[in-house]
């Protein structure tokens, strides 16, 4: 068994590598540029929504409020008439990336801490590279990818977007696993 404290270096080094890789994927590679589409007549839609001064948050349209209400004729009529949407309203203005980037890095660290915990409980200090890679890689992949599938299952996010993000998670998990495998030997 390996203590999680002794794994601080691979946790932070792999977090940094994943952070850099995600920046390259999202800023230099183009395959995520098709993740979103513009609504038809965007200006008119934005003008109409602005009239309501909707505060930032998550919204469903039409909104039932309860399973019982979903069975009412009024709700069924609104669903059939459409549009049916899940909407995230963000604060107005140019978004600051600073808070999101800090939160993303902290998330990477949390995934790595859980990966380190699992591997540290399952493997000895002298575990071979491939054993470390296997435990860390599988755990990190779950942390980076599998929860994303819920968005396609329940909120109808395009499966193509989820599959691209799952691929990203495989890249991140591989970098994490490789870093841990490399640095595990010096623990």
Foldseek 3Di string as FASTA:
>chain_A
DADLVVCPVLLQVLLVVLLVVVCCCVPPNCPCVVQDDADPPNVVVVVVVVVVVDDFDKDWPPDQPDPVSCPDPVNVVRVVVDDTAIDGDDDDDDDDCVVVSVVSSVLSSVLLSVLCVQCRVVDDLQDALVSQLVSQLVSQLCSQADVLVVCCVPRVRDVSNNVVSSVSSNVSSNSSSNSCSVCSNVD
